[in-house]
mmCIF file of all heavy atoms, coordinates in Angstrom:
data_MODEL
# 
_entry.id   MODEL 
# 
loop_
_atom_site.group_PDB 
_atom_site.id 
_atom_site.type_symbol 
_atom_site.label_atom_id 
_atom_site.label_alt_id 
_atom_site.label_comp_id 
_atom_site.label_asym_id 
_atom_site.label_entity_id 
_atom_site.label_seq_id 
_atom_site.pdbx_PDB_ins_code 
_atom_site.Cartn_x 
_atom_site.Cartn_y 
_atom_site.Cartn_z 
_atom_site.occupancy 
_atom_site.B_iso_or_equiv 
_atom_site.pdbx_formal_charge 
_atom_site.auth_seq_id 
_atom_site.auth_comp_id 
_atom_site.auth_asym_id 
_atom_site.auth_atom_id 
_atom_site.pdbx_PDB_model_num 
ATOM 1   N N   . THR A 1 1  ? 183.132 138.297 -45.723 1.00 0.00 ? 1  THR A N   1 
ATOM 2   C CA  . THR A 1 1  ? 183.010 137.443 -44.552 1.00 0.00 ? 1  THR A CA  1 
ATOM 3   C C   . THR A 1 1  ? 182.181 136.216 -44.907 1.00 0.00 ? 1  THR A C   1 
ATOM 4   O O   . THR A 1 1  ? 181.058 136.349 -45.403 1.00 0.00 ? 1  THR A O   1 
ATOM 5   C CB  . THR A 1 1  ? 182.337 138.178 -43.387 1.00 0.00 ? 1  THR A CB  1 
ATOM 6   O OG1 . THR A 1 1  ? 183.100 139.342 -43.055 1.00 0.00 ? 1  THR A OG1 1 
ATOM 7   C CG2 . THR A 1 1  ? 182.254 137.277 -42.159 1.00 0.00 ? 1  THR A CG2 1 
ATOM 8   N N   . ILE A 1 2  ? 182.757 135.050 -44.639 1.00 0.00 ? 2  ILE A N   1 
ATOM 9   C CA  . ILE A 1 2  ? 182.011 133.809 -44.852 1.00 0.00 ? 2  ILE A CA  1 
ATOM 10  C C   . ILE A 1 2  ? 181.407 133.381 -43.523 1.00 0.00 ? 2  ILE A C   1 
ATOM 11  O O   . ILE A 1 2  ? 182.040 133.497 -42.473 1.00 0.00 ? 2  ILE A O   1 
ATOM 12  C CB  . ILE A 1 2  ? 182.917 132.708 -45.441 1.00 0.00 ? 2  ILE A CB  1 
ATOM 13  C CG1 . ILE A 1 2  ? 182.080 131.479 -45.834 1.00 0.00 ? 2  ILE A CG1 1 
ATOM 14  C CG2 . ILE A 1 2  ? 184.046 132.340 -44.494 1.00 0.00 ? 2  ILE A CG2 1 
ATOM 15  C CD1 . ILE A 1 2  ? 182.870 130.451 -46.648 1.00 0.00 ? 2  ILE A CD1 1 
ATOM 16  N N   . SER A 1 3  ? 180.178 132.903 -43.579 1.00 0.00 ? 3  SER A N   1 
ATOM 17  C CA  . SER A 1 3  ? 179.514 132.423 -42.375 1.00 0.00 ? 3  SER A CA  1 
ATOM 18  C C   . SER A 1 3  ? 178.559 131.300 -42.756 1.00 0.00 ? 3  SER A C   1 
ATOM 19  O O   . SER A 1 3  ? 178.355 131.031 -43.940 1.00 0.00 ? 3  SER A O   1 
ATOM 20  C CB  . SER A 1 3  ? 178.759 133.563 -41.676 1.00 0.00 ? 3  SER A CB  1 
ATOM 21  O OG  . SER A 1 3  ? 177.745 134.073 -42.522 1.00 0.00 ? 3  SER A OG  1 
ATOM 22  N N   . ARG A 1 4  ? 178.001 130.674 -41.759 1.00 0.00 ? 4  ARG A N   1 
ATOM 23  C CA  . ARG A 1 4  ? 177.070 129.594 -42.060 1.00 0.00 ? 4  ARG A CA  1 
ATOM 24  C C   . ARG A 1 4  ? 176.013 129.480 -40.985 1.00 0.00 ? 4  ARG A C   1 
ATOM 25  O O   . ARG A 1 4  ? 176.202 129.936 -39.850 1.00 0.00 ? 4  ARG A O   1 
ATOM 26  C CB  . ARG A 1 4  ? 177.817 128.255 -42.186 1.00 0.00 ? 4  ARG A CB  1 
ATOM 27  C CG  . ARG A 1 4  ? 178.506 127.825 -40.903 1.00 0.00 ? 4  ARG A CG  1 
ATOM 28  C CD  . ARG A 1 4  ? 179.343 126.584 -41.100 1.00 0.00 ? 4  ARG A CD  1 
ATOM 29  N NE  . ARG A 1 4  ? 179.966 126.203 -39.839 1.00 0.00 ? 4  ARG A NE  1 
ATOM 30  C CZ  . ARG A 1 4  ? 180.765 125.151 -39.698 1.00 0.00 ? 4  ARG A CZ  1 
ATOM 31  N NH1 . ARG A 1 4  ? 181.046 124.379 -40.739 1.00 0.00 ? 4  ARG A NH1 1 
ATOM 32  N NH2 . ARG A 1 4  ? 181.290 124.866 -38.526 1.00 0.00 ? 4  ARG A NH2 1 
ATOM 33  N N   . ASP A 1 5  ? 174.892 128.897 -41.352 1.00 0.00 ? 5  ASP A N   1 
ATOM 34  C CA  . ASP A 1 5  ? 173.820 128.579 -40.432 1.00 0.00 ? 5  ASP A CA  1 
ATOM 35  C C   . ASP A 1 5  ? 173.573 127.085 -40.596 1.00 0.00 ? 5  ASP A C   1 
ATOM 36  O O   . ASP A 1 5  ? 172.890 126.664 -41.531 1.00 0.00 ? 5  ASP A O   1 
ATOM 37  C CB  . ASP A 1 5  ? 172.572 129.400 -40.771 1.00 0.00 ? 5  ASP A CB  1 
ATOM 38  C CG  . ASP A 1 5  ? 171.460 129.212 -39.748 1.00 0.00 ? 5  ASP A CG  1 
ATOM 39  O OD1 . ASP A 1 5  ? 171.379 128.104 -39.155 1.00 0.00 ? 5  ASP A OD1 1 
ATOM 40  O OD2 . ASP A 1 5  ? 170.664 130.132 -39.557 1.00 0.00 ? 5  ASP A OD2 1 
ATOM 41  N N   . ILE A 1 6  ? 174.148 126.319 -39.695 1.00 0.00 ? 6  ILE A N   1 
ATOM 42  C CA  . ILE A 1 6  ? 174.072 124.860 -39.830 1.00 0.00 ? 6  ILE A CA  1 
ATOM 43  C C   . ILE A 1 6  ? 172.636 124.374 -39.725 1.00 0.00 ? 6  ILE A C   1 
ATOM 44  O O   . ILE A 1 6  ? 172.224 123.466 -40.440 1.00 0.00 ? 6  ILE A O   1 
ATOM 45  C CB  . ILE A 1 6  ? 174.984 124.197 -38.783 1.00 0.00 ? 6  ILE A CB  1 
ATOM 46  C CG1 . ILE A 1 6  ? 176.444 124.468 -39.123 1.00 0.00 ? 6  ILE A CG1 1 
ATOM 47  C CG2 . ILE A 1 6  ? 174.702 122.698 -38.702 1.00 0.00 ? 6  ILE A CG2 1 
ATOM 48  C CD1 . ILE A 1 6  ? 177.432 123.940 -38.119 1.00 0.00 ? 6  ILE A CD1 1 
ATOM 49  N N   . ALA A 1 7  ? 171.851 124.972 -38.844 1.00 0.00 ? 7  ALA A N   1 
ATOM 50  C CA  . ALA A 1 7  ? 170.467 124.544 -38.660 1.00 0.00 ? 7  ALA A CA  1 
ATOM 51  C C   . ALA A 1 7  ? 169.651 124.760 -39.931 1.00 0.00 ? 7  ALA A C   1 
ATOM 52  O O   . ALA A 1 7  ? 168.735 123.982 -40.234 1.00 0.00 ? 7  ALA A O   1 
ATOM 53  C CB  . ALA A 1 7  ? 169.830 125.293 -37.504 1.00 0.00 ? 7  ALA A CB  1 
ATOM 54  N N   . GLU A 1 8  ? 170.002 125.821 -40.690 1.00 0.00 ? 8  GLU A N   1 
ATOM 55  C CA  . GLU A 1 8  ? 169.284 126.131 -41.927 1.00 0.00 ? 8  GLU A CA  1 
ATOM 56  C C   . GLU A 1 8  ? 169.966 125.540 -43.149 1.00 0.00 ? 8  GLU A C   1 
ATOM 57  O O   . GLU A 1 8  ? 169.471 125.716 -44.262 1.00 0.00 ? 8  GLU A O   1 
ATOM 58  C CB  . GLU A 1 8  ? 169.167 127.651 -42.088 1.00 0.00 ? 8  GLU A CB  1 
ATOM 59  C CG  . GLU A 1 8  ? 168.286 128.325 -41.049 1.00 0.00 ? 8  GLU A CG  1 
ATOM 60  C CD  . GLU A 1 8  ? 166.823 127.956 -41.213 1.00 0.00 ? 8  GLU A CD  1 
ATOM 61  O OE1 . GLU A 1 8  ? 166.366 127.814 -42.370 1.00 0.00 ? 8  GLU A OE1 1 
ATOM 62  O OE2 . GLU A 1 8  ? 166.134 127.799 -40.185 1.00 0.00 ? 8  GLU A OE2 1 
ATOM 63  N N   . ASN A 1 9  ? 171.093 124.859 -42.957 1.00 0.00 ? 9  ASN A N   1 
ATOM 64  C CA  . ASN A 1 9  ? 171.841 124.270 -44.078 1.00 0.00 ? 9  ASN A CA  1 
ATOM 65  C C   . ASN A 1 9  ? 172.242 125.331 -45.101 1.00 0.00 ? 9  ASN A C   1 
ATOM 66  O O   . ASN A 1 9  ? 172.083 125.148 -46.314 1.00 0.00 ? 9  ASN A O   1 
ATOM 67  C CB  . ASN A 1 9  ? 171.036 123.171 -44.775 1.00 0.00 ? 9  ASN A CB  1 
ATOM 68  C CG  . ASN A 1 9  ? 170.637 122.057 -43.845 1.00 0.00 ? 9  ASN A CG  1 
ATOM 69  O OD1 . ASN A 1 9  ? 171.397 121.687 -42.967 1.00 0.00 ? 9  ASN A OD1 1 
ATOM 70  N ND2 . ASN A 1 9  ? 169.438 121.539 -44.018 1.00 0.00 ? 9  ASN A ND2 1 
ATOM 71  N N   . LYS A 1 10 ? 172.774 126.451 -44.607 1.00 0.00 ? 10 LYS A N   1 
ATOM 72  C CA  . LYS A 1 10 ? 173.144 127.551 -45.492 1.00 0.00 ? 10 LYS A CA  1 
ATOM 73  C C   . LYS A 1 10 ? 174.546 128.070 -45.180 1.00 0.00 ? 10 LYS A C   1 
ATOM 74  O O   . LYS A 1 10 ? 174.986 128.057 -44.044 1.00 0.00 ? 10 LYS A O   1 
ATOM 75  C CB  . LYS A 1 10 ? 172.139 128.694 -45.375 1.00 0.00 ? 10 LYS A CB  1 
ATOM 76  C CG  . LYS A 1 10 ? 170.761 128.370 -45.932 1.00 0.00 ? 10 LYS A CG  1 
ATOM 77  C CD  . LYS A 1 10 ? 169.838 129.572 -45.835 1.00 0.00 ? 10 LYS A CD  1 
ATOM 78  C CE  . LYS A 1 10 ? 168.485 129.266 -46.447 1.00 0.00 ? 10 LYS A CE  1 
ATOM 79  N NZ  . LYS A 1 10 ? 167.559 130.422 -46.341 1.00 0.00 ? 10 LYS A NZ  1 
ATOM 80  N N   . VAL A 1 11 ? 175.189 128.517 -46.217 1.00 0.00 ? 11 VAL A N   1 
ATOM 81  C CA  . VAL A 1 11 ? 176.461 129.226 -46.106 1.00 0.00 ? 11 VAL A CA  1 
ATOM 82  C C   . VAL A 1 11 ? 176.294 130.578 -46.795 1.00 0.00 ? 11 VAL A C   1 
ATOM 83  O O   . VAL A 1 11 ? 175.606 130.670 -47.816 1.00 0.00 ? 11 VAL A O   1 
ATOM 84  C CB  . VAL A 1 11 ? 177.604 128.427 -46.763 1.00 0.00 ? 11 VAL A CB  1 
ATOM 85  C CG1 . VAL A 1 11 ? 178.869 129.249 -46.834 1.00 0.00 ? 11 VAL A CG1 1 
ATOM 86  C CG2 . VAL A 1 11 ? 177.874 127.167 -45.986 1.00 0.00 ? 11 VAL A CG2 1 
ATOM 87  N N   . PHE A 1 12 ? 176.919 131.592 -46.224 1.00 0.00 ? 12 PHE A N   1 
ATOM 88  C CA  . PHE A 1 12 ? 176.749 132.956 -46.720 1.00 0.00 ? 12 PHE A CA  1 
ATOM 89  C C   . PHE A 1 12 ? 178.118 133.560 -47.052 1.00 0.00 ? 12 PHE A C   1 
ATOM 90  O O   . PHE A 1 12 ? 179.140 133.168 -46.503 1.00 0.00 ? 12 PHE A O   1 
ATOM 91  C CB  . PHE A 1 12 ? 176.064 133.823 -45.672 1.00 0.00 ? 12 PHE A CB  1 
ATOM 92  C CG  . PHE A 1 12 ? 174.764 133.266 -45.175 1.00 0.00 ? 12 PHE A CG  1 
ATOM 93  C CD1 . PHE A 1 12 ? 174.721 132.567 -43.976 1.00 0.00 ? 12 PHE A CD1 1 
ATOM 94  C CD2 . PHE A 1 12 ? 173.598 133.434 -45.898 1.00 0.00 ? 12 PHE A CD2 1 
ATOM 95  C CE1 . PHE A 1 12 ? 173.522 132.045 -43.506 1.00 0.00 ? 12 PHE A CE1 1 
ATOM 96  C CE2 . PHE A 1 12 ? 172.396 132.919 -45.440 1.00 0.00 ? 12 PHE A CE2 1 
ATOM 97  C CZ  . PHE A 1 12 ? 172.355 132.219 -44.241 1.00 0.00 ? 12 PHE A CZ  1 
ATOM 98  N N   . LEU A 1 13 ? 178.059 134.543 -47.923 1.00 0.00 ? 13 LEU A N   1 
ATOM 99  C CA  . LEU A 1 13 ? 179.245 135.363 -48.197 1.00 0.00 ? 13 LEU A CA  1 
ATOM 100 C C   . LEU A 1 13 ? 178.795 136.817 -48.201 1.00 0.00 ? 13 LEU A C   1 
ATOM 101 O O   . LEU A 1 13 ? 178.089 137.244 -49.122 1.00 0.00 ? 13 LEU A O   1 
ATOM 102 C CB  . LEU A 1 13 ? 179.894 135.001 -49.525 1.00 0.00 ? 13 LEU A CB  1 
ATOM 103 C CG  . LEU A 1 13 ? 181.200 135.738 -49.820 1.00 0.00 ? 13 LEU A CG  1 
ATOM 104 C CD1 . LEU A 1 13 ? 182.306 135.286 -48.852 1.00 0.00 ? 13 LEU A CD1 1 
ATOM 105 C CD2 . LEU A 1 13 ? 181.644 135.524 -51.259 1.00 0.00 ? 13 LEU A CD2 1 
ATOM 106 N N   . GLN A 1 14 ? 179.176 137.528 -47.159 1.00 0.00 ? 14 GLN A N   1 
ATOM 107 C CA  . GLN A 1 14 ? 178.901 138.960 -47.085 1.00 0.00 ? 14 GLN A CA  1 
ATOM 108 C C   . GLN A 1 14 ? 180.043 139.686 -47.776 1.00 0.00 ? 14 GLN A C   1 
ATOM 109 O O   . GLN A 1 14 ? 181.200 139.536 -47.387 1.00 0.00 ? 14 GLN A O   1 
ATOM 110 C CB  . GLN A 1 14 ? 178.787 139.413 -45.633 1.00 0.00 ? 14 GLN A CB  1 
ATOM 111 C CG  . GLN A 1 14 ? 178.574 140.901 -45.465 1.00 0.00 ? 14 GLN A CG  1 
ATOM 112 C CD  . GLN A 1 14 ? 177.232 141.374 -45.992 1.00 0.00 ? 14 GLN A CD  1 
ATOM 113 O OE1 . GLN A 1 14 ? 176.207 140.727 -45.766 1.00 0.00 ? 14 GLN A OE1 1 
ATOM 114 N NE2 . GLN A 1 14 ? 177.223 142.502 -46.684 1.00 0.00 ? 14 GLN A NE2 1 
ATOM 115 N N   . MET A 1 15 ? 179.716 140.474 -48.776 1.00 0.00 ? 15 MET A N   1 
ATOM 116 C CA  . MET A 1 15 ? 180.725 141.172 -49.557 1.00 0.00 ? 15 MET A CA  1 
ATOM 117 C C   . MET A 1 15 ? 180.500 142.674 -49.422 1.00 0.00 ? 15 MET A C   1 
ATOM 118 O O   . MET A 1 15 ? 179.439 143.180 -49.807 1.00 0.00 ? 15 MET A O   1 
ATOM 119 C CB  . MET A 1 15 ? 180.653 140.754 -51.028 1.00 0.00 ? 15 MET A CB  1 
ATOM 120 C CG  . MET A 1 15 ? 180.786 139.249 -51.233 1.00 0.00 ? 15 MET A CG  1 
ATOM 121 S SD  . MET A 1 15 ? 180.926 138.789 -52.970 1.00 0.00 ? 15 MET A SD  1 
ATOM 122 C CE  . MET A 1 15 ? 179.302 139.277 -53.570 1.00 0.00 ? 15 MET A CE  1 
ATOM 123 N N   . ASN A 1 16 ? 181.481 143.350 -48.879 1.00 0.00 ? 16 ASN A N   1 
ATOM 124 C CA  . ASN A 1 16 ? 181.418 144.798 -48.707 1.00 0.00 ? 16 ASN A CA  1 
ATOM 125 C C   . ASN A 1 16 ? 182.510 145.464 -49.531 1.00 0.00 ? 16 ASN A C   1 
ATOM 126 O O   . ASN A 1 16 ? 183.461 144.820 -49.965 1.00 0.00 ? 16 ASN A O   1 
ATOM 127 C CB  . ASN A 1 16 ? 181.600 145.157 -47.235 1.00 0.00 ? 16 ASN A CB  1 
ATOM 128 C CG  . ASN A 1 16 ? 180.517 144.573 -46.344 1.00 0.00 ? 16 ASN A CG  1 
ATOM 129 O OD1 . ASN A 1 16 ? 179.364 144.441 -46.750 1.00 0.00 ? 16 ASN A OD1 1 
ATOM 130 N ND2 . ASN A 1 16 ? 180.888 144.213 -45.125 1.00 0.00 ? 16 ASN A ND2 1 
ATOM 131 N N   . SER A 1 17 ? 182.363 146.764 -49.711 1.00 0.00 ? 17 SER A N   1 
ATOM 132 C CA  . SER A 1 17 ? 183.371 147.546 -50.449 1.00 0.00 ? 17 SER A CA  1 
ATOM 133 C C   . SER A 1 17 ? 183.699 146.896 -51.782 1.00 0.00 ? 17 SER A C   1 
ATOM 134 O O   . SER A 1 17 ? 184.871 146.722 -52.137 1.00 0.00 ? 17 SER A O   1 
ATOM 135 C CB  . SER A 1 17 ? 184.639 147.706 -49.608 1.00 0.00 ? 17 SER A CB  1 
ATOM 136 O OG  . SER A 1 17 ? 184.358 148.321 -48.370 1.00 0.00 ? 17 SER A OG  1 
ATOM 137 N N   . LEU A 1 18 ? 182.681 146.541 -52.503 1.00 0.00 ? 18 LEU A N   1 
ATOM 138 C CA  . LEU A 1 18 ? 182.876 145.809 -53.764 1.00 0.00 ? 18 LEU A CA  1 
ATOM 139 C C   . LEU A 1 18 ? 183.578 146.675 -54.795 1.00 0.00 ? 18 LEU A C   1 
ATOM 140 O O   . LEU A 1 18 ? 183.388 147.898 -54.863 1.00 0.00 ? 18 LEU A O   1 
ATOM 141 C CB  . LEU A 1 18 ? 181.544 145.309 -54.289 1.00 0.00 ? 18 LEU A CB  1 
ATOM 142 C CG  . LEU A 1 18 ? 181.014 144.060 -53.559 1.00 0.00 ? 18 LEU A CG  1 
ATOM 143 C CD1 . LEU A 1 18 ? 179.534 143.883 -53.799 1.00 0.00 ? 18 LEU A CD1 1 
ATOM 144 C CD2 . LEU A 1 18 ? 181.792 142.831 -53.997 1.00 0.00 ? 18 LEU A CD2 1 
ATOM 145 N N   . LYS A 1 19 ? 184.410 146.006 -55.602 1.00 0.00 ? 19 LYS A N   1 
ATOM 146 C CA  . LYS A 1 19 ? 185.189 146.653 -56.642 1.00 0.00 ? 19 LYS A CA  1 
ATOM 147 C C   . LYS A 1 19 ? 184.820 146.057 -57.996 1.00 0.00 ? 19 LYS A C   1 
ATOM 148 O O   . LYS A 1 19 ? 184.357 144.910 -58.060 1.00 0.00 ? 19 LYS A O   1 
ATOM 149 C CB  . LYS A 1 19 ? 186.682 146.429 -56.382 1.00 0.00 ? 19 LYS A CB  1 
ATOM 150 C CG  . LYS A 1 19 ? 187.156 146.847 -55.005 1.00 0.00 ? 19 LYS A CG  1 
ATOM 151 C CD  . LYS A 1 19 ? 188.616 146.449 -54.801 1.00 0.00 ? 19 LYS A CD  1 
ATOM 152 C CE  . LYS A 1 19 ? 189.104 146.812 -53.417 1.00 0.00 ? 19 LYS A CE  1 
ATOM 153 N NZ  . LYS A 1 19 ? 190.526 146.417 -53.205 1.00 0.00 ? 19 LYS A NZ  1 
ATOM 154 N N   . PRO A 1 20 ? 185.070 146.772 -59.073 1.00 0.00 ? 20 PRO A N   1 
ATOM 155 C CA  . PRO A 1 20 ? 184.782 146.210 -60.398 1.00 0.00 ? 20 PRO A CA  1 
ATOM 156 C C   . PRO A 1 20 ? 185.481 144.866 -60.631 1.00 0.00 ? 20 PRO A C   1 
ATOM 157 O O   . PRO A 1 20 ? 184.917 143.992 -61.301 1.00 0.00 ? 20 PRO A O   1 
ATOM 158 C CB  . PRO A 1 20 ? 185.301 147.294 -61.343 1.00 0.00 ? 20 PRO A CB  1 
ATOM 159 C CG  . PRO A 1 20 ? 185.137 148.564 -60.577 1.00 0.00 ? 20 PRO A CG  1 
ATOM 160 C CD  . PRO A 1 20 ? 185.457 148.193 -59.158 1.00 0.00 ? 20 PRO A CD  1 
ATOM 161 N N   . GLU A 1 21 ? 186.659 144.695 -60.057 1.00 0.00 ? 21 GLU A N   1 
ATOM 162 C CA  . GLU A 1 21 ? 187.372 143.429 -60.254 1.00 0.00 ? 21 GLU A CA  1 
ATOM 163 C C   . GLU A 1 21 ? 186.765 142.263 -59.486 1.00 0.00 ? 21 GLU A C   1 
ATOM 164 O O   . GLU A 1 21 ? 187.217 141.118 -59.633 1.00 0.00 ? 21 GLU A O   1 
ATOM 165 C CB  . GLU A 1 21 ? 188.851 143.577 -59.865 1.00 0.00 ? 21 GLU A CB  1 
ATOM 166 C CG  . GLU A 1 21 ? 189.101 144.184 -58.512 1.00 0.00 ? 21 GLU A CG  1 
ATOM 167 C CD  . GLU A 1 21 ? 189.378 145.686 -58.598 1.00 0.00 ? 21 GLU A CD  1 
ATOM 168 O OE1 . GLU A 1 21 ? 188.664 146.387 -59.349 1.00 0.00 ? 21 GLU A OE1 1 
ATOM 169 O OE2 . GLU A 1 21 ? 190.291 146.149 -57.884 1.00 0.00 ? 21 GLU A OE2 1 
ATOM 170 N N   . ASP A 1 22 ? 185.752 142.540 -58.674 1.00 0.00 ? 22 ASP A N   1 
ATOM 171 C CA  . ASP A 1 22 ? 185.021 141.453 -58.017 1.00 0.00 ? 22 ASP A CA  1 
ATOM 172 C C   . ASP A 1 22 ? 183.948 140.859 -58.936 1.00 0.00 ? 22 ASP A C   1 
ATOM 173 O O   . ASP A 1 22 ? 183.307 139.863 -58.577 1.00 0.00 ? 22 ASP A O   1 
ATOM 174 C CB  . ASP A 1 22 ? 184.350 141.952 -56.741 1.00 0.00 ? 22 ASP A CB  1 
ATOM 175 C CG  . ASP A 1 22 ? 185.347 142.367 -55.678 1.00 0.00 ? 22 ASP A CG  1 
ATOM 176 O OD1 . ASP A 1 22 ? 186.351 141.639 -55.491 1.00 0.00 ? 22 ASP A OD1 1 
ATOM 177 O OD2 . ASP A 1 22 ? 185.140 143.416 -55.038 1.00 0.00 ? 22 ASP A OD2 1 
ATOM 178 N N   . THR A 1 23 ? 183.756 141.462 -60.091 1.00 0.00 ? 23 THR A N   1 
ATOM 179 C CA  . THR A 1 23 ? 182.778 140.953 -61.046 1.00 0.00 ? 23 THR A CA  1 
ATOM 180 C C   . THR A 1 23 ? 183.138 139.531 -61.456 1.00 0.00 ? 23 THR A C   1 
ATOM 181 O O   . THR A 1 23 ? 184.254 139.265 -61.909 1.00 0.00 ? 23 THR A O   1 
ATOM 182 C CB  . THR A 1 23 ? 182.720 141.860 -62.284 1.00 0.00 ? 23 THR A CB  1 
ATOM 183 O OG1 . THR A 1 23 ? 182.220 143.145 -61.892 1.00 0.00 ? 23 THR A OG1 1 
ATOM 184 C CG2 . THR A 1 23 ? 181.808 141.273 -63.349 1.00 0.00 ? 23 THR A CG2 1 
ATOM 185 N N   . ALA A 1 24 ? 182.181 138.627 -61.292 1.00 0.00 ? 24 ALA A N   1 
ATOM 186 C CA  . ALA A 1 24 ? 182.433 137.212 -61.571 1.00 0.00 ? 24 ALA A CA  1 
ATOM 187 C C   . ALA A 1 24 ? 181.150 136.428 -61.335 1.00 0.00 ? 24 ALA A C   1 
ATOM 188 O O   . ALA A 1 24 ? 180.185 136.949 -60.771 1.00 0.00 ? 24 ALA A O   1 
ATOM 189 C CB  . ALA A 1 24 ? 183.533 136.667 -60.662 1.00 0.00 ? 24 ALA A CB  1 
# 
């Protein structure tokens, strides 16, 4: 899930159920 906090000037990426192929 991508999200952002404009007031804090931040963007986030919540990553769940990670797999070995997500390695990067």
